[in-house]
Amino acid sequence: MAESLTAETVLVFPDLRLTRLQRVRVTPGPGQPGAWTLIDVAAPEETADSLAEALSGALATEGGWYADFRVGGDHVVVFAGRIFRYRVGDEAGRQRAVDHGLSVGVPADQLDWSDFSNAS
């Protein structure tokens, strides 16, 4: 979500491709706006770690924000200053990411990403 990025954010990834841009109304959590700009992108798998690092440094620490994406059979969940990567279907790995999200103020109902075995 564009609203999750700090005002100073500049992300430059030559191989990053915008696949969808969408505005949606939401029931916001504390410190979140009532409409979000969802940004879906695609990038080569070999850039996943550097993209996660860049997002981790760009996400606002206030407001309970995260970004997530799939890399092969892995799910990557990125918070400000913290990255979780676990195999899809690894409930313990998923729970560690959820627990961290709760600890930094992400509302429980927003920690609803799905892990399905054919994700990529």
N, C-alpha and C. Protein backbone atom coordinates (compact mmCIF):
# COMPACT_ATOMS: atom_id res chain seq x y z
N MET A 1 0.83 -1.17 0.00
CA MET A 1 0.00 0.00 0.00
C MET A 1 0.88 1.24 0.00
N ALA A 2 0.56 2.15 -0.83
CA ALA A 2 1.33 3.39 -0.90
C ALA A 2 1.33 4.11 0.44
N GLU A 3 0.23 4.03 1.16
CA GLU A 3 0.11 4.73 2.44
C GLU A 3 1.04 4.17 3.51
N SER A 4 1.58 2.98 3.31
CA SER A 4 2.46 2.36 4.30
C SER A 4 3.91 2.83 4.19
N LEU A 5 4.23 3.53 3.13
CA LEU A 5 5.61 3.96 2.89
C LEU A 5 5.87 5.31 3.54
N THR A 6 7.09 5.49 4.03
CA THR A 6 7.45 6.78 4.60
C THR A 6 7.46 7.84 3.51
N ALA A 7 7.32 9.09 3.92
CA ALA A 7 7.26 10.20 2.95
C ALA A 7 8.55 10.33 2.15
N GLU A 8 9.67 9.85 2.67
CA GLU A 8 10.96 9.98 1.99
C GLU A 8 11.26 8.82 1.04
N THR A 9 10.37 7.88 0.90
CA THR A 9 10.64 6.64 0.16
C THR A 9 10.88 6.88 -1.32
N VAL A 10 11.98 6.30 -1.79
CA VAL A 10 12.27 6.20 -3.22
C VAL A 10 12.77 4.78 -3.44
N LEU A 11 12.01 3.98 -4.16
CA LEU A 11 12.42 2.62 -4.48
C LEU A 11 12.75 2.56 -5.96
N VAL A 12 13.96 2.14 -6.27
CA VAL A 12 14.40 2.03 -7.66
C VAL A 12 14.80 0.58 -7.92
N PHE A 13 14.01 -0.11 -8.71
CA PHE A 13 14.28 -1.48 -9.12
C PHE A 13 14.00 -1.55 -10.62
N PRO A 14 15.03 -1.57 -11.45
CA PRO A 14 14.82 -1.55 -12.91
C PRO A 14 13.93 -2.67 -13.43
N ASP A 15 13.94 -3.84 -12.77
CA ASP A 15 13.14 -4.97 -13.26
C ASP A 15 11.80 -5.12 -12.55
N LEU A 16 11.44 -4.14 -11.73
CA LEU A 16 10.16 -4.18 -11.04
C LEU A 16 9.06 -3.75 -12.00
N ARG A 17 8.00 -4.55 -12.09
CA ARG A 17 6.92 -4.27 -13.04
C ARG A 17 5.61 -4.11 -12.29
N LEU A 18 4.92 -3.00 -12.52
CA LEU A 18 3.60 -2.77 -11.94
C LEU A 18 2.60 -3.66 -12.65
N THR A 19 1.85 -4.46 -11.86
CA THR A 19 0.85 -5.33 -12.46
C THR A 19 -0.57 -4.89 -12.14
N ARG A 20 -0.74 -4.13 -11.05
CA ARG A 20 -2.07 -3.62 -10.71
C ARG A 20 -1.94 -2.48 -9.71
N LEU A 21 -2.78 -1.47 -9.88
CA LEU A 21 -2.89 -0.35 -8.95
C LEU A 21 -4.38 -0.20 -8.66
N GLN A 22 -4.74 -0.20 -7.37
CA GLN A 22 -6.16 -0.19 -7.01
C GLN A 22 -6.36 0.62 -5.74
N ARG A 23 -7.43 1.42 -5.69
CA ARG A 23 -7.83 2.15 -4.48
C ARG A 23 -9.00 1.40 -3.86
N VAL A 24 -8.94 1.19 -2.55
CA VAL A 24 -10.02 0.50 -1.86
C VAL A 24 -10.34 1.21 -0.56
N ARG A 25 -11.61 1.20 -0.18
CA ARG A 25 -12.03 1.69 1.13
C ARG A 25 -11.90 0.54 2.11
N VAL A 26 -11.42 0.86 3.31
CA VAL A 26 -11.18 -0.17 4.32
C VAL A 26 -11.68 0.31 5.67
N THR A 27 -11.78 -0.62 6.59
CA THR A 27 -11.98 -0.28 7.99
C THR A 27 -10.58 -0.17 8.57
N PRO A 28 -10.14 1.06 8.80
CA PRO A 28 -8.73 1.24 9.16
C PRO A 28 -8.42 0.84 10.60
N GLY A 29 -7.17 0.48 10.80
CA GLY A 29 -6.66 0.29 12.15
C GLY A 29 -6.21 1.64 12.68
N PRO A 30 -5.75 1.70 13.93
CA PRO A 30 -5.28 2.96 14.51
C PRO A 30 -4.16 3.58 13.66
N GLY A 31 -4.30 4.85 13.34
CA GLY A 31 -3.28 5.55 12.56
C GLY A 31 -3.30 5.26 11.07
N GLN A 32 -4.31 4.54 10.59
CA GLN A 32 -4.40 4.20 9.17
C GLN A 32 -5.53 5.00 8.52
N PRO A 33 -5.36 5.37 7.24
CA PRO A 33 -6.42 6.09 6.53
C PRO A 33 -7.55 5.14 6.13
N GLY A 34 -8.70 5.68 5.78
CA GLY A 34 -9.87 4.89 5.40
C GLY A 34 -9.87 4.40 3.96
N ALA A 35 -8.88 4.81 3.17
CA ALA A 35 -8.73 4.30 1.80
C ALA A 35 -7.26 3.99 1.58
N TRP A 36 -7.00 2.88 0.92
CA TRP A 36 -5.63 2.45 0.65
C TRP A 36 -5.40 2.36 -0.84
N THR A 37 -4.16 2.59 -1.25
CA THR A 37 -3.73 2.40 -2.62
C THR A 37 -2.92 1.11 -2.66
N LEU A 38 -3.51 0.05 -3.21
CA LEU A 38 -2.83 -1.24 -3.31
C LEU A 38 -1.95 -1.25 -4.55
N ILE A 39 -0.73 -1.70 -4.38
CA ILE A 39 0.22 -1.75 -5.49
C ILE A 39 0.72 -3.19 -5.62
N ASP A 40 0.37 -3.83 -6.72
CA ASP A 40 0.86 -5.18 -7.00
C ASP A 40 1.98 -5.06 -8.02
N VAL A 41 3.09 -5.75 -7.73
CA VAL A 41 4.24 -5.70 -8.62
C VAL A 41 4.76 -7.11 -8.87
N ALA A 42 5.56 -7.25 -9.89
CA ALA A 42 6.27 -8.49 -10.19
C ALA A 42 7.74 -8.15 -10.38
N ALA A 43 8.59 -9.06 -9.95
CA ALA A 43 10.03 -8.86 -10.07
C ALA A 43 10.71 -10.22 -10.22
N PRO A 44 11.89 -10.25 -10.79
CA PRO A 44 12.62 -11.52 -10.89
C PRO A 44 12.91 -12.09 -9.49
N GLU A 45 12.83 -13.41 -9.35
CA GLU A 45 13.04 -14.05 -8.05
C GLU A 45 14.38 -13.69 -7.43
N GLU A 46 15.40 -13.51 -8.25
CA GLU A 46 16.73 -13.22 -7.69
C GLU A 46 16.83 -11.85 -7.03
N THR A 47 15.81 -11.00 -7.19
CA THR A 47 15.81 -9.69 -6.54
C THR A 47 14.98 -9.68 -5.26
N ALA A 48 14.42 -10.83 -4.88
CA ALA A 48 13.50 -10.89 -3.74
C ALA A 48 14.13 -10.39 -2.45
N ASP A 49 15.35 -10.81 -2.16
CA ASP A 49 15.99 -10.39 -0.91
C ASP A 49 16.25 -8.89 -0.89
N SER A 50 16.74 -8.35 -1.99
CA SER A 50 17.01 -6.91 -2.01
C SER A 50 15.70 -6.10 -2.00
N LEU A 51 14.65 -6.61 -2.62
CA LEU A 51 13.36 -5.93 -2.56
C LEU A 51 12.82 -5.94 -1.13
N ALA A 52 12.92 -7.08 -0.46
CA ALA A 52 12.45 -7.18 0.93
C ALA A 52 13.23 -6.21 1.82
N GLU A 53 14.54 -6.13 1.65
CA GLU A 53 15.36 -5.20 2.45
C GLU A 53 14.94 -3.75 2.19
N ALA A 54 14.73 -3.42 0.92
CA ALA A 54 14.34 -2.05 0.58
C ALA A 54 12.98 -1.71 1.18
N LEU A 55 12.03 -2.63 1.08
CA LEU A 55 10.71 -2.39 1.66
C LEU A 55 10.78 -2.28 3.18
N SER A 56 11.60 -3.11 3.81
CA SER A 56 11.74 -3.07 5.26
C SER A 56 12.25 -1.71 5.73
N GLY A 57 13.11 -1.09 4.94
CA GLY A 57 13.61 0.23 5.27
C GLY A 57 12.67 1.35 4.90
N ALA A 58 11.68 1.06 4.04
CA ALA A 58 10.77 2.10 3.55
C ALA A 58 9.43 2.13 4.26
N LEU A 59 9.05 1.05 4.93
CA LEU A 59 7.75 1.00 5.59
C LEU A 59 7.74 1.87 6.84
N ALA A 60 6.63 2.54 7.04
CA ALA A 60 6.45 3.37 8.23
C ALA A 60 6.43 2.48 9.47
N THR A 61 7.06 2.95 10.54
CA THR A 61 7.07 2.18 11.78
C THR A 61 5.78 2.35 12.56
N GLU A 62 5.04 3.40 12.30
CA GLU A 62 3.75 3.63 12.98
C GLU A 62 2.61 3.27 12.04
N GLY A 63 1.53 2.77 12.60
CA GLY A 63 0.34 2.49 11.80
C GLY A 63 0.11 1.02 11.51
N GLY A 64 1.02 0.16 11.92
CA GLY A 64 0.81 -1.28 11.73
C GLY A 64 0.80 -1.70 10.28
N TRP A 65 1.92 -1.48 9.58
CA TRP A 65 2.00 -1.79 8.15
C TRP A 65 2.92 -2.98 7.88
N TYR A 66 2.63 -3.69 6.80
CA TYR A 66 3.53 -4.74 6.31
C TYR A 66 3.30 -4.89 4.82
N ALA A 67 4.23 -5.58 4.17
CA ALA A 67 4.10 -5.97 2.76
C ALA A 67 4.38 -7.46 2.71
N ASP A 68 3.79 -8.15 1.75
CA ASP A 68 4.10 -9.57 1.61
C ASP A 68 4.08 -9.98 0.16
N PHE A 69 4.86 -11.03 -0.13
CA PHE A 69 4.91 -11.57 -1.48
C PHE A 69 5.41 -13.00 -1.44
N ARG A 70 5.26 -13.70 -2.56
CA ARG A 70 5.70 -15.09 -2.70
C ARG A 70 6.94 -15.15 -3.57
N VAL A 71 7.83 -16.07 -3.21
CA VAL A 71 9.01 -16.38 -4.01
C VAL A 71 9.07 -17.89 -4.09
N GLY A 72 8.72 -18.44 -5.24
CA GLY A 72 8.65 -19.89 -5.35
C GLY A 72 7.71 -20.44 -4.30
N GLY A 73 8.20 -21.35 -3.48
CA GLY A 73 7.39 -21.94 -2.42
C GLY A 73 7.50 -21.22 -1.09
N ASP A 74 8.11 -20.04 -1.08
CA ASP A 74 8.27 -19.28 0.15
C ASP A 74 7.32 -18.09 0.19
N HIS A 75 6.97 -17.71 1.41
CA HIS A 75 6.19 -16.50 1.64
C HIS A 75 7.10 -15.54 2.38
N VAL A 76 7.20 -14.31 1.91
CA VAL A 76 8.02 -13.28 2.52
C VAL A 76 7.08 -12.21 3.08
N VAL A 77 7.22 -11.93 4.37
CA VAL A 77 6.40 -10.92 5.03
C VAL A 77 7.37 -9.88 5.59
N VAL A 78 7.17 -8.62 5.18
CA VAL A 78 8.11 -7.55 5.49
C VAL A 78 7.45 -6.50 6.37
N PHE A 79 8.09 -6.21 7.49
CA PHE A 79 7.68 -5.13 8.39
C PHE A 79 8.81 -4.12 8.42
N ALA A 80 8.57 -2.96 8.96
CA ALA A 80 9.65 -1.98 9.13
C ALA A 80 10.72 -2.60 10.02
N GLY A 81 11.91 -2.78 9.47
CA GLY A 81 13.03 -3.30 10.24
C GLY A 81 13.04 -4.79 10.49
N ARG A 82 12.12 -5.56 9.89
CA ARG A 82 12.05 -7.00 10.17
C ARG A 82 11.47 -7.74 8.97
N ILE A 83 12.11 -8.85 8.60
CA ILE A 83 11.66 -9.66 7.46
C ILE A 83 11.49 -11.11 7.91
N PHE A 84 10.39 -11.72 7.52
CA PHE A 84 10.14 -13.13 7.78
C PHE A 84 10.02 -13.84 6.44
N ARG A 85 10.69 -14.99 6.32
CA ARG A 85 10.57 -15.81 5.11
C ARG A 85 10.40 -17.25 5.57
N TYR A 86 9.32 -17.86 5.13
CA TYR A 86 9.04 -19.24 5.53
C TYR A 86 8.41 -19.98 4.37
N ARG A 87 8.49 -21.31 4.41
CA ARG A 87 7.87 -22.13 3.38
C ARG A 87 6.36 -22.05 3.50
N VAL A 88 5.68 -21.92 2.40
CA VAL A 88 4.22 -21.92 2.40
C VAL A 88 3.76 -23.22 3.08
N GLY A 89 2.84 -23.07 4.03
CA GLY A 89 2.35 -24.22 4.78
C GLY A 89 3.05 -24.43 6.11
N ASP A 90 4.15 -23.71 6.36
CA ASP A 90 4.87 -23.80 7.63
C ASP A 90 4.13 -22.94 8.66
N GLU A 91 3.27 -23.59 9.44
CA GLU A 91 2.44 -22.85 10.39
C GLU A 91 3.26 -22.13 11.45
N ALA A 92 4.36 -22.74 11.91
CA ALA A 92 5.20 -22.10 12.92
C ALA A 92 5.85 -20.83 12.35
N GLY A 93 6.33 -20.90 11.11
CA GLY A 93 6.92 -19.72 10.47
C GLY A 93 5.89 -18.63 10.27
N ARG A 94 4.71 -19.02 9.83
CA ARG A 94 3.63 -18.05 9.65
C ARG A 94 3.26 -17.41 10.98
N GLN A 95 3.18 -18.21 12.04
CA GLN A 95 2.79 -17.68 13.33
C GLN A 95 3.82 -16.68 13.87
N ARG A 96 5.12 -16.92 13.61
CA ARG A 96 6.14 -15.95 14.03
C ARG A 96 5.91 -14.60 13.37
N ALA A 97 5.55 -14.61 12.08
CA ALA A 97 5.26 -13.35 11.37
C ALA A 97 4.00 -12.69 11.93
N VAL A 98 2.97 -13.47 12.17
CA VAL A 98 1.72 -12.94 12.73
C VAL A 98 1.98 -12.34 14.11
N ASP A 99 2.72 -13.06 14.96
CA ASP A 99 3.01 -12.57 16.31
C ASP A 99 3.76 -11.25 16.26
N HIS A 100 4.72 -11.15 15.35
CA HIS A 100 5.45 -9.89 15.22
C HIS A 100 4.51 -8.78 14.76
N GLY A 101 3.66 -9.08 13.79
CA GLY A 101 2.70 -8.09 13.31
C GLY A 101 1.83 -7.57 14.44
N LEU A 102 1.33 -8.46 15.26
CA LEU A 102 0.51 -8.04 16.40
C LEU A 102 1.32 -7.16 17.36
N SER A 103 2.60 -7.50 17.55
CA SER A 103 3.44 -6.75 18.50
C SER A 103 3.75 -5.34 18.03
N VAL A 104 3.65 -5.10 16.71
CA VAL A 104 3.94 -3.75 16.18
C VAL A 104 2.67 -3.00 15.79
N GLY A 105 1.52 -3.53 16.21
CA GLY A 105 0.28 -2.79 16.03
C GLY A 105 -0.55 -3.11 14.82
N VAL A 106 -0.22 -4.17 14.09
CA VAL A 106 -1.08 -4.54 12.96
C VAL A 106 -2.35 -5.16 13.55
N PRO A 107 -3.53 -4.65 13.18
CA PRO A 107 -4.76 -5.26 13.67
C PRO A 107 -4.84 -6.73 13.24
N ALA A 108 -5.32 -7.58 14.13
CA ALA A 108 -5.39 -9.02 13.86
C ALA A 108 -6.11 -9.34 12.56
N ASP A 109 -7.19 -8.60 12.25
CA ASP A 109 -7.94 -8.89 11.03
C ASP A 109 -7.21 -8.49 9.76
N GLN A 110 -6.08 -7.77 9.90
CA GLN A 110 -5.29 -7.42 8.72
C GLN A 110 -4.13 -8.39 8.51
N LEU A 111 -3.95 -9.32 9.41
CA LEU A 111 -2.91 -10.34 9.27
C LEU A 111 -3.53 -11.59 8.64
N ASP A 112 -4.18 -11.37 7.50
CA ASP A 112 -5.02 -12.40 6.89
C ASP A 112 -4.48 -12.94 5.58
N TRP A 113 -3.17 -12.79 5.35
CA TRP A 113 -2.64 -13.33 4.09
C TRP A 113 -2.87 -14.83 4.06
N SER A 114 -3.08 -15.32 2.86
CA SER A 114 -3.31 -16.76 2.73
C SER A 114 -2.03 -17.44 2.27
N ASP A 115 -1.82 -18.63 2.77
CA ASP A 115 -0.72 -19.46 2.32
C ASP A 115 -1.33 -20.65 1.61
N PHE A 116 -1.12 -20.70 0.33
CA PHE A 116 -1.63 -21.84 -0.40
C PHE A 116 -0.48 -22.44 -1.19
N SER A 117 -0.51 -23.76 -1.37
CA SER A 117 0.64 -24.50 -1.87
C SER A 117 1.02 -24.16 -3.30
N ASN A 118 0.12 -23.63 -4.11
CA ASN A 118 0.48 -23.32 -5.49
C ASN A 118 0.82 -21.84 -5.68
N ALA A 119 1.08 -21.12 -4.59
CA ALA A 119 1.43 -19.71 -4.70
C ALA A 119 2.81 -19.56 -5.30
N SER A 120 2.99 -18.50 -6.04
CA SER A 120 4.33 -18.21 -6.57
C SER A 120 4.53 -16.73 -6.70
